Protein backbone atom coordinates (compact mmCIF):
# COMPACT_ATOMS: atom_id res chain seq x y z
CA MET A 1 99.34 73.18 -30.18
CA THR A 2 100.60 76.87 -29.69
CA GLY A 3 99.97 80.06 -27.14
CA THR A 4 99.51 80.77 -23.85
CA ALA A 5 96.66 79.70 -21.87
CA PRO A 6 94.73 82.53 -20.04
CA LEU A 7 95.59 82.61 -16.45
CA PRO A 8 93.07 80.79 -14.13
CA GLU A 9 91.47 84.05 -12.67
CA ARG A 10 90.84 85.21 -15.73
CA LEU A 11 88.47 82.52 -16.89
CA PRO A 12 85.08 82.83 -15.36
CA GLU A 13 83.29 80.22 -12.67
CA ARG A 14 81.07 78.99 -15.40
CA LEU A 15 83.91 77.64 -17.80
CA ARG A 16 86.05 76.43 -14.95
CA LEU A 17 83.70 74.37 -13.90
CA ARG A 18 82.70 73.07 -17.37
CA ILE A 19 86.73 72.17 -17.77
CA VAL A 20 86.49 70.39 -14.46
CA ALA A 21 83.66 68.46 -15.19
CA LEU A 22 84.93 67.55 -18.83
CA VAL A 23 88.10 66.08 -17.15
CA SER A 24 86.36 64.35 -13.82
CA ALA A 25 84.18 62.68 -16.24
CA VAL A 26 87.30 60.86 -17.97
CA LEU A 27 89.60 60.99 -15.07
CA PRO A 28 89.72 57.08 -14.52
CA SER A 29 91.12 56.60 -18.62
CA VAL A 30 93.70 59.35 -18.31
CA THR A 31 97.22 57.47 -17.93
CA PRO A 32 99.07 58.46 -15.75
CA VAL A 33 96.63 59.67 -13.28
CA PRO A 34 98.37 62.05 -10.72
CA SER A 35 99.13 60.68 -6.90
CA PRO A 36 96.86 63.49 -5.36
CA LEU A 37 94.04 62.83 -8.13
CA ARG A 38 94.26 58.68 -7.61
CA LYS A 39 91.73 58.79 -4.57
CA VAL A 40 89.39 61.08 -6.50
CA ALA A 41 89.33 58.81 -9.65
CA GLY A 42 87.51 56.05 -7.76
CA PHE A 43 84.58 58.70 -7.17
CA ALA A 44 81.04 58.28 -9.22
CA PRO A 45 81.72 61.39 -11.90
CA ALA A 46 79.02 63.63 -9.85
CA ARG A 47 81.31 63.46 -6.73
CA ARG A 48 84.53 63.85 -8.30
CA ALA A 49 83.72 67.05 -9.73
CA ARG A 50 81.89 67.79 -6.53
CA LEU A 51 84.26 66.83 -4.60
CA GLY A 52 87.66 66.51 -6.23
CA GLY A 53 87.03 69.89 -8.17
CA ALA A 54 89.95 71.86 -6.81
CA ALA A 55 92.55 69.09 -6.90
CA ILE A 56 91.48 68.57 -11.04
CA TRP A 57 91.99 72.46 -11.38
CA SER A 58 95.05 72.45 -9.99
CA ALA A 59 96.25 69.29 -12.07
CA LEU A 60 95.50 70.76 -15.06
CA GLU A 61 98.12 73.45 -14.53
CA ASP A 62 100.53 70.50 -15.36
CA ASP A 63 100.26 71.13 -19.30
CA GLU A 64 101.25 66.87 -19.48
CA PHE A 65 98.08 65.98 -17.65
CA ARG A 66 96.41 68.32 -19.61
CA GLU A 67 97.07 66.98 -23.19
CA HIS A 68 96.16 63.39 -21.59
CA ALA A 69 92.93 64.96 -20.38
CA SER A 70 92.45 66.54 -23.46
CA VAL A 71 92.78 63.29 -25.73
CA GLN A 72 90.23 61.20 -23.69
CA VAL A 73 87.75 64.36 -23.71
CA ALA A 74 88.05 64.55 -27.27
CA ALA A 75 87.08 60.70 -27.39
CA VAL A 76 84.15 61.79 -25.95
CA PRO A 77 81.65 63.51 -28.78
CA PRO A 78 80.05 66.75 -27.54
CA VAL A 79 75.95 66.52 -26.33
CA GLY A 80 74.22 69.24 -28.45
CA GLU A 81 76.31 72.57 -29.57
CA ASP A 82 77.03 74.85 -26.45
CA PRO A 83 79.92 77.52 -26.84
CA VAL A 84 80.96 76.95 -23.37
CA GLU A 85 81.51 73.46 -23.47
CA ASP A 86 83.11 74.29 -27.22
CA ALA A 87 85.53 76.87 -25.30
CA ALA A 88 86.48 74.03 -22.39
CA ARG A 89 87.53 71.52 -25.23
CA ALA A 90 89.44 74.54 -26.56
CA TRP A 91 91.17 75.48 -23.65
CA LEU A 92 92.32 71.89 -23.01
CA ALA A 93 93.13 70.29 -26.55
CA ARG A 94 94.57 73.76 -27.42
CA PRO A 95 94.34 74.11 -31.16
CA GLU A 96 95.57 76.53 -33.41
CA GLY A 97 92.95 79.36 -32.86
CA TRP A 98 91.97 78.26 -29.30
CA GLU A 99 92.86 81.45 -27.66
CA SER A 100 90.18 83.37 -29.71
CA VAL A 101 87.95 81.27 -28.94
CA VAL A 102 87.80 81.01 -25.24
CA ASP A 103 88.27 85.01 -25.14
CA GLY A 104 85.39 85.66 -27.11
CA LEU A 105 83.82 83.15 -24.45
CA VAL A 106 85.18 84.98 -21.74
CA GLU A 107 83.80 88.29 -23.06
CA SER A 108 80.49 87.08 -23.94
CA LEU A 109 80.39 85.22 -20.03
CA VAL A 110 81.45 88.39 -18.65
CA GLU A 111 78.77 90.79 -19.90
CA ASP A 112 76.40 88.17 -18.95
CA GLU A 113 77.57 88.33 -15.59
CA SER A 114 77.48 91.92 -15.62
CA ARG A 115 73.97 92.04 -16.69
CA ASP A 116 73.38 89.26 -14.03
CA GLU A 117 74.86 91.30 -11.55
CA GLN A 118 72.21 93.89 -12.60
CA VAL A 119 69.53 91.74 -12.12
CA HIS A 120 70.44 90.53 -8.86
CA ALA A 121 70.69 94.00 -7.69
CA ALA A 122 67.51 95.06 -8.89
CA GLN A 123 66.44 91.58 -7.72
CA ALA A 124 67.78 92.33 -3.99
CA ARG A 125 66.00 96.02 -4.29
CA LEU A 126 62.63 94.14 -5.21
CA THR A 127 63.50 91.70 -2.29
CA ALA A 128 64.21 94.22 0.49
CA GLN A 129 61.04 96.06 -1.10
CA LEU A 130 59.23 92.81 -0.58
CA ALA A 131 60.57 91.95 2.53
CA ALA A 132 59.68 95.79 4.10
CA VAL A 133 56.06 95.01 2.41
CA GLN A 134 55.93 91.63 4.31
CA ALA A 135 57.08 92.74 7.21
CA GLU A 136 54.18 95.48 7.28
CA LEU A 137 51.65 92.87 6.23
CA ALA A 138 53.06 90.62 9.36
CA ALA A 139 52.89 93.60 11.72
CA ALA A 140 49.08 93.79 10.75
CA ARG A 141 48.22 90.03 10.80
CA ALA A 142 49.77 90.04 14.29
CA GLU A 143 47.89 93.06 15.75
CA HIS A 144 44.76 91.68 13.75
CA ARG A 145 45.55 88.27 15.55
CA GLU A 146 45.93 90.24 18.96
CA GLU A 147 42.97 92.06 18.63
CA LEU A 148 41.43 88.99 17.38
CA GLU A 149 42.40 86.77 20.83
CA ARG A 150 41.16 89.82 22.69
CA ALA A 151 38.12 89.83 21.21
CA ARG A 152 37.89 85.83 21.16
CA ALA A 153 38.92 86.38 24.95
CA GLU A 154 35.85 88.58 25.60
CA HIS A 155 33.49 86.39 23.91
CA LYS A 156 34.76 83.26 26.08
CA VAL A 157 34.28 85.31 29.04
CA LEU A 158 30.79 86.61 28.46
CA ARG A 159 29.68 83.00 26.87
CA GLN A 160 31.08 81.60 30.62
CA ARG A 161 29.25 84.23 32.40
CA LEU A 162 26.10 83.41 30.11
CA GLY A 163 26.36 79.78 31.32
CA GLU A 164 27.40 80.72 34.46
CA ALA A 165 23.54 82.59 34.46
CA ARG A 166 21.87 79.99 33.04
CA GLY A 167 23.46 77.32 35.49
CA VAL A 168 21.80 79.58 38.39
CA LEU A 169 18.84 80.13 37.13
CA ARG A 170 18.18 76.13 36.01
CA ALA A 171 19.24 75.61 39.79
CA ALA A 172 17.08 77.71 41.13
CA GLU A 173 14.17 76.66 38.81
CA GLN A 174 15.04 72.84 40.18
CA ALA A 175 14.99 74.07 43.99
CA ARG A 176 11.57 75.34 43.21
CA ASP A 177 10.25 72.80 41.45
CA ALA A 178 12.04 70.47 44.53
CA ALA A 179 10.10 72.77 47.00
CA TYR A 180 6.67 72.08 45.58
CA ALA A 181 7.57 68.49 44.92
CA ALA A 182 8.47 68.26 48.74
CA ARG A 183 5.35 70.47 49.92
CA ASP A 184 3.01 68.13 47.99
CA GLU A 185 4.80 65.21 49.03
CA ALA A 186 4.49 66.25 53.09
CA LEU A 187 0.73 67.17 52.38
CA ALA A 188 0.33 63.66 51.20
CA ALA A 189 1.86 61.83 53.88
CA ALA A 190 0.42 64.29 56.61
CA GLY A 191 -3.30 63.17 55.05
CA ALA A 192 -1.83 59.46 54.50
CA ALA A 193 -0.57 59.68 58.11
CA THR A 194 -4.11 61.04 59.42
CA ARG A 195 -5.95 58.54 57.81
CA ALA A 196 -3.50 55.67 59.01
CA ALA A 197 -4.02 57.07 62.54
CA GLU A 198 -7.66 56.77 61.79
CA VAL A 199 -7.83 53.32 61.23
CA ASP A 200 -5.09 51.93 64.01
CA VAL A 201 -7.66 53.84 66.53
CA ARG A 202 -10.64 51.88 64.96
CA ARG A 203 -8.51 48.50 64.61
CA MET A 204 -7.11 49.11 68.33
CA ARG A 205 -10.34 49.81 69.58
CA ALA A 206 -11.72 46.70 68.12
CA GLN A 207 -8.67 44.77 69.32
CA LEU A 208 -9.73 45.92 72.87
CA GLU A 209 -13.08 44.92 72.41
CA GLU A 210 -11.94 41.51 71.17
CA ALA A 211 -9.29 41.16 74.17
CA GLU A 212 -12.04 42.07 76.71
CA ALA A 213 -14.34 39.29 75.19
CA GLY A 214 -11.49 36.86 75.20
CA LEU A 215 -10.41 37.78 78.37
CA ALA A 216 -14.01 37.18 79.69
CA ALA A 217 -14.24 33.87 77.91
CA GLN A 218 -10.51 32.96 79.14
CA ARG A 219 -11.53 32.75 82.69
CA ARG A 220 -14.32 30.93 81.95
CA ASP A 221 -12.09 28.37 79.77
CA SER A 222 -8.76 28.43 81.47
CA ARG A 223 -8.45 25.15 82.05
CA SER A 224 -9.31 23.87 78.61
CA GLU A 225 -7.12 26.69 77.42
CA ARG A 226 -4.04 25.18 78.89
CA ASP A 227 -4.76 21.83 77.49
CA ALA A 228 -4.70 23.43 74.21
CA ALA A 229 -1.26 25.39 74.66
CA SER A 230 0.07 22.24 75.91
CA ILE A 231 -0.70 20.51 72.89
CA ARG A 232 0.32 23.57 70.63
CA ALA A 233 4.04 23.64 72.50
CA ARG A 234 4.29 19.84 71.60
CA LEU A 235 3.09 20.27 68.15
CA LEU A 236 5.97 23.02 68.10
CA LEU A 237 8.71 20.96 69.59
CA ASP A 238 8.04 18.20 67.32
CA ALA A 239 8.11 20.38 64.34
CA VAL A 240 11.70 21.36 65.62
CA VAL A 241 12.84 17.82 65.96
CA ASP A 242 11.65 17.22 62.38
CA ALA A 243 13.16 20.54 61.12
CA ALA A 244 16.67 19.77 62.37
CA THR A 245 16.70 16.27 61.26
CA GLY A 246 15.96 17.23 57.81
CA LEU A 247 18.72 19.85 57.70
CA ARG A 248 21.23 17.53 59.13
CA ARG A 249 19.88 15.02 56.10
CA GLU A 250 19.85 17.78 53.50
CA LEU A 251 23.44 18.87 54.59
CA GLY A 252 25.08 15.48 54.80
CA LEU A 253 26.20 16.38 58.02
CA PRO A 254 28.64 13.32 59.40
CA ALA A 255 27.84 12.39 63.00
CA VAL A 256 30.21 14.09 65.71
CA SER A 257 32.77 11.74 67.00
CA GLY A 258 34.70 12.60 70.35
CA SER A 259 33.65 14.82 73.13
CA PRO A 260 34.71 18.30 74.30
CA ALA A 261 36.34 16.40 77.36
CA ASP A 262 39.31 14.76 74.96
CA ALA A 263 40.91 17.63 74.40
CA VAL A 264 41.55 18.42 78.02
CA GLU A 265 42.44 15.21 78.53
CA SER A 266 44.80 14.35 75.67
CA GLU A 267 46.62 17.91 76.76
CA LEU A 268 46.56 16.58 80.32
CA ALA A 269 48.51 13.30 78.93
CA GLY A 270 50.79 15.25 76.92
CA ILE A 271 49.07 14.66 73.49
CA ASP A 272 48.40 16.72 70.62
CA ALA A 273 44.40 16.11 70.32
CA ALA A 274 42.71 16.42 66.84
CA PRO A 275 39.92 18.77 67.10
CA ALA A 276 36.64 18.07 68.22
CA SER A 277 34.74 20.07 65.96
CA SER A 278 34.16 17.97 62.26
CA ALA A 279 35.45 19.99 59.49
CA PRO A 280 34.05 19.14 56.02
CA ALA A 281 36.72 16.64 54.55
CA THR A 282 35.16 16.38 50.94
CA PRO A 283 34.31 19.15 48.45
CA ALA A 284 30.59 18.42 48.67
CA LEU A 285 30.79 18.69 52.65
CA LEU A 286 32.78 22.21 52.23
CA GLU A 287 29.94 23.77 49.64
CA GLN A 288 27.06 22.67 51.81
CA THR A 289 29.24 24.53 54.93
CA LEU A 290 29.84 27.38 53.20
CA ALA A 291 26.16 27.86 52.05
CA MET A 292 25.02 27.92 55.74
CA PRO A 293 24.10 31.23 56.83
CA ARG A 294 26.59 33.95 57.48
CA ALA A 295 29.33 31.19 57.00
CA ARG A 296 32.96 32.75 57.28
CA LEU A 297 35.63 31.50 54.66
CA VAL A 298 39.76 32.07 55.38
CA VAL A 299 42.11 30.96 52.67
CA ASP A 300 45.91 30.62 53.04
CA GLY A 301 46.83 31.59 49.77
CA TYR A 302 50.05 30.24 49.08
CA ASN A 303 49.29 26.86 50.69
CA VAL A 304 46.65 26.37 48.40
CA THR A 305 48.39 27.66 45.30
CA LYS A 306 51.84 25.87 45.68
CA GLN A 307 49.65 23.10 45.95
CA ALA A 308 47.51 23.60 43.01
CA TRP A 309 49.85 25.36 40.24
CA PRO A 310 53.50 24.87 41.64
CA THR A 311 55.25 25.65 38.55
CA ALA A 312 53.53 29.07 37.80
CA SER A 313 54.44 32.07 38.94
CA LEU A 314 53.84 33.99 42.39
CA GLU A 315 51.75 36.61 40.76
CA ALA A 316 50.29 33.70 38.59
CA GLN A 317 49.28 32.04 41.36
CA ARG A 318 47.70 34.87 43.46
CA SER A 319 45.58 35.35 40.09
CA ARG A 320 44.25 31.91 39.52
CA LEU A 321 43.04 31.27 42.77
CA VAL A 322 41.51 34.43 43.57
CA GLN A 323 39.58 34.44 40.20
CA ALA A 324 38.86 30.92 40.85
CA LEU A 325 37.12 31.86 44.42
CA GLY A 326 34.82 34.30 42.64
CA PRO A 327 32.14 31.53 41.09
CA LEU A 328 31.96 29.83 45.05
CA VAL A 329 31.39 32.92 46.75
CA ALA A 330 28.77 33.48 44.11
CA ARG A 331 26.90 30.47 44.90
CA SER A 332 27.42 30.26 48.69
CA GLY A 333 27.64 33.85 49.74
CA ALA A 334 30.13 33.06 52.34
CA GLU A 335 32.19 35.85 53.49
CA THR A 336 35.57 35.06 51.88
CA THR A 337 39.23 36.09 52.54
CA VAL A 338 42.56 35.43 50.86
CA VAL A 339 45.88 35.61 52.84
CA PHE A 340 49.05 36.02 51.26
CA ASP A 341 52.42 36.07 53.03
CA ALA A 342 54.20 39.15 52.54
CA ALA A 343 56.58 39.43 55.75
CA GLU A 344 59.51 39.51 53.88
CA SER A 345 58.14 42.30 51.45
CA THR A 346 57.82 45.83 51.42
CA VAL A 347 55.64 45.91 48.54
CA ARG A 348 51.92 45.30 48.51
CA THR A 349 50.39 44.34 45.15
CA ALA A 350 47.17 45.88 44.38
CA MET A 351 44.92 43.14 42.66
CA PRO A 352 41.72 42.83 41.53
CA ALA A 353 38.94 40.76 43.03
CA PRO A 354 35.61 39.40 42.38
CA ARG A 355 32.48 40.54 44.66
CA GLY A 356 32.60 39.06 47.82
CA VAL A 357 36.60 38.35 47.85
CA ARG A 358 38.66 40.31 49.92
CA VAL A 359 42.87 39.85 49.24
CA VAL A 360 45.23 40.82 52.47
CA PHE A 361 48.56 40.55 52.71
CA SER A 362 50.22 39.89 56.04
CA PRO A 363 51.94 43.18 57.17
CA GLU A 364 56.02 43.64 56.93
CA GLY A 365 57.62 41.36 59.64
CA VAL A 366 54.06 39.24 60.17
CA ILE A 367 53.68 35.80 58.52
CA ALA A 368 50.57 34.85 57.29
CA ASP A 369 49.61 32.21 59.76
CA ASP A 370 49.62 34.80 62.24
CA VAL A 371 47.07 36.92 60.60
CA ILE A 372 44.79 33.89 59.77
CA ARG A 373 44.84 33.42 63.67
CA GLN A 374 44.05 36.81 64.44
CA LEU A 375 40.95 36.54 61.61
CA VAL A 376 39.64 33.82 63.75
CA SER A 377 39.90 34.48 66.88
CA ALA A 378 37.93 37.91 66.22
CA GLU A 379 34.76 35.92 65.26
CA PRO A 380 32.22 35.45 67.52
CA ARG A 381 31.84 31.16 69.04
CA GLY A 382 29.08 29.88 66.74
CA ARG A 383 29.51 31.59 63.69
CA VAL A 384 30.16 28.92 61.09
CA VAL A 385 34.11 29.68 60.27
CA VAL A 386 35.99 27.67 57.43
CA VAL A 387 39.64 27.78 57.37
CA VAL A 388 41.16 25.99 54.21
CA THR A 389 45.28 25.20 54.99
CA GLY A 390 47.78 22.40 54.68
CA ASP A 391 49.45 24.14 57.77
CA ARG A 392 48.96 21.56 60.84
CA ALA A 393 49.63 23.83 63.20
CA VAL A 394 47.54 26.59 61.94
CA ALA A 395 44.53 23.93 61.26
CA ARG A 396 44.99 23.03 65.36
CA ASP A 397 45.03 26.78 66.40
CA VAL A 398 42.01 27.22 64.41
CA ALA A 399 40.10 24.62 65.52
CA ARG A 400 40.77 25.17 69.13
CA ALA A 401 39.40 29.20 68.28
CA GLY A 402 35.78 27.31 67.32
CA ALA A 403 36.61 27.32 63.34
CA ARG A 404 36.26 24.16 61.16
CA ALA A 405 39.95 23.54 59.43
CA VAL A 406 39.67 21.76 55.81
CA PRO A 407 42.15 20.35 53.88
CA VAL A 408 43.70 22.28 50.78
CA THR A 409 42.38 19.42 48.16
CA ALA A 410 38.93 19.58 49.45
CA LEU A 411 38.63 23.68 47.98
CA LEU A 412 40.39 22.26 44.70
CA GLY A 413 37.76 19.73 44.62
CA VAL A 414 35.54 22.30 44.84
CA LEU A 415 37.50 24.96 42.61
CA GLY A 416 37.78 21.95 39.89
CA ALA A 417 41.61 22.91 40.06
């Protein structure tokens, strides 16, 4: 191996890259591997050439490493015929006459690079011309796009005006038709009113004649009619008594125990007496009571839910109670309000409720018991008001106000909870 290697700057880039690629492929087999290349030797072949190319080329300046590398490269047969690879192998092995091989390839690559530069220059000129044409085309397209947008805007405005004009015309036609219909309806109503007035006049005249005849007959038979009136009144009284008895039997109302004076006597004696009004204590009696006309149902929300679903969350308890009340309200028609305690909360959750069921949260600082007392006190005396609660104090207060306090078990029996 003789001769002096061309300086690195004399080698074309293509030849240098091929030399680095050949050495990077056999780098792990070279012994010894220079310390700067030990980390690079652990990379994949493609990464060695890409990431460690500069270090490999610097290491090739050492003739000993280059000779060791050339031995490993020579052991790998070349793939096909490639002048660049032949020159790279000659540069590494440096056999006799290797300079002519490398110089010939260098001259060839220089000529190719010169031609490539000319081609690149021509390509650059064409690219510049193409860029200018594209810029002109883009400007023309932008101008055309602006004109198109203006035309579309004008078209949109015209369509809007046309739509408004059609709307005005349609409204005018509808107003005209409505006026015609109102006129026809007014004429028909006037004719019907005239005919009805004539019929009423004829009927009133007939009634007047009948009244005059009846007055004359009444004067003749006043005593007999007084007797008939007494009989009718007695029959009416019997009918009312029978209807009340049948209604009490149908509703299954228990007999009233005690008297209003019991509460006064108990209060004077210092005894907390039970309410005098009877309350439906069973599910059947509760549902019958709620079926009475204009019945009112007030439910102490958490007092019921914590007995029915104690392990569920408050949100789940509220939802289950409100949804369960829907079928009961639909059957009975009772006006229903569920009161939940929110005295210590500043948030009021809006929750859906079935038709006929209202959900109320007590205001901040006010407990649900006081809201229930207010609702009962607002109702007129005599209306059927049922309060479902397990709180004895609330039950006592609402009973004194005229409502019927019902235990929670009765409502849960109706709901099937």
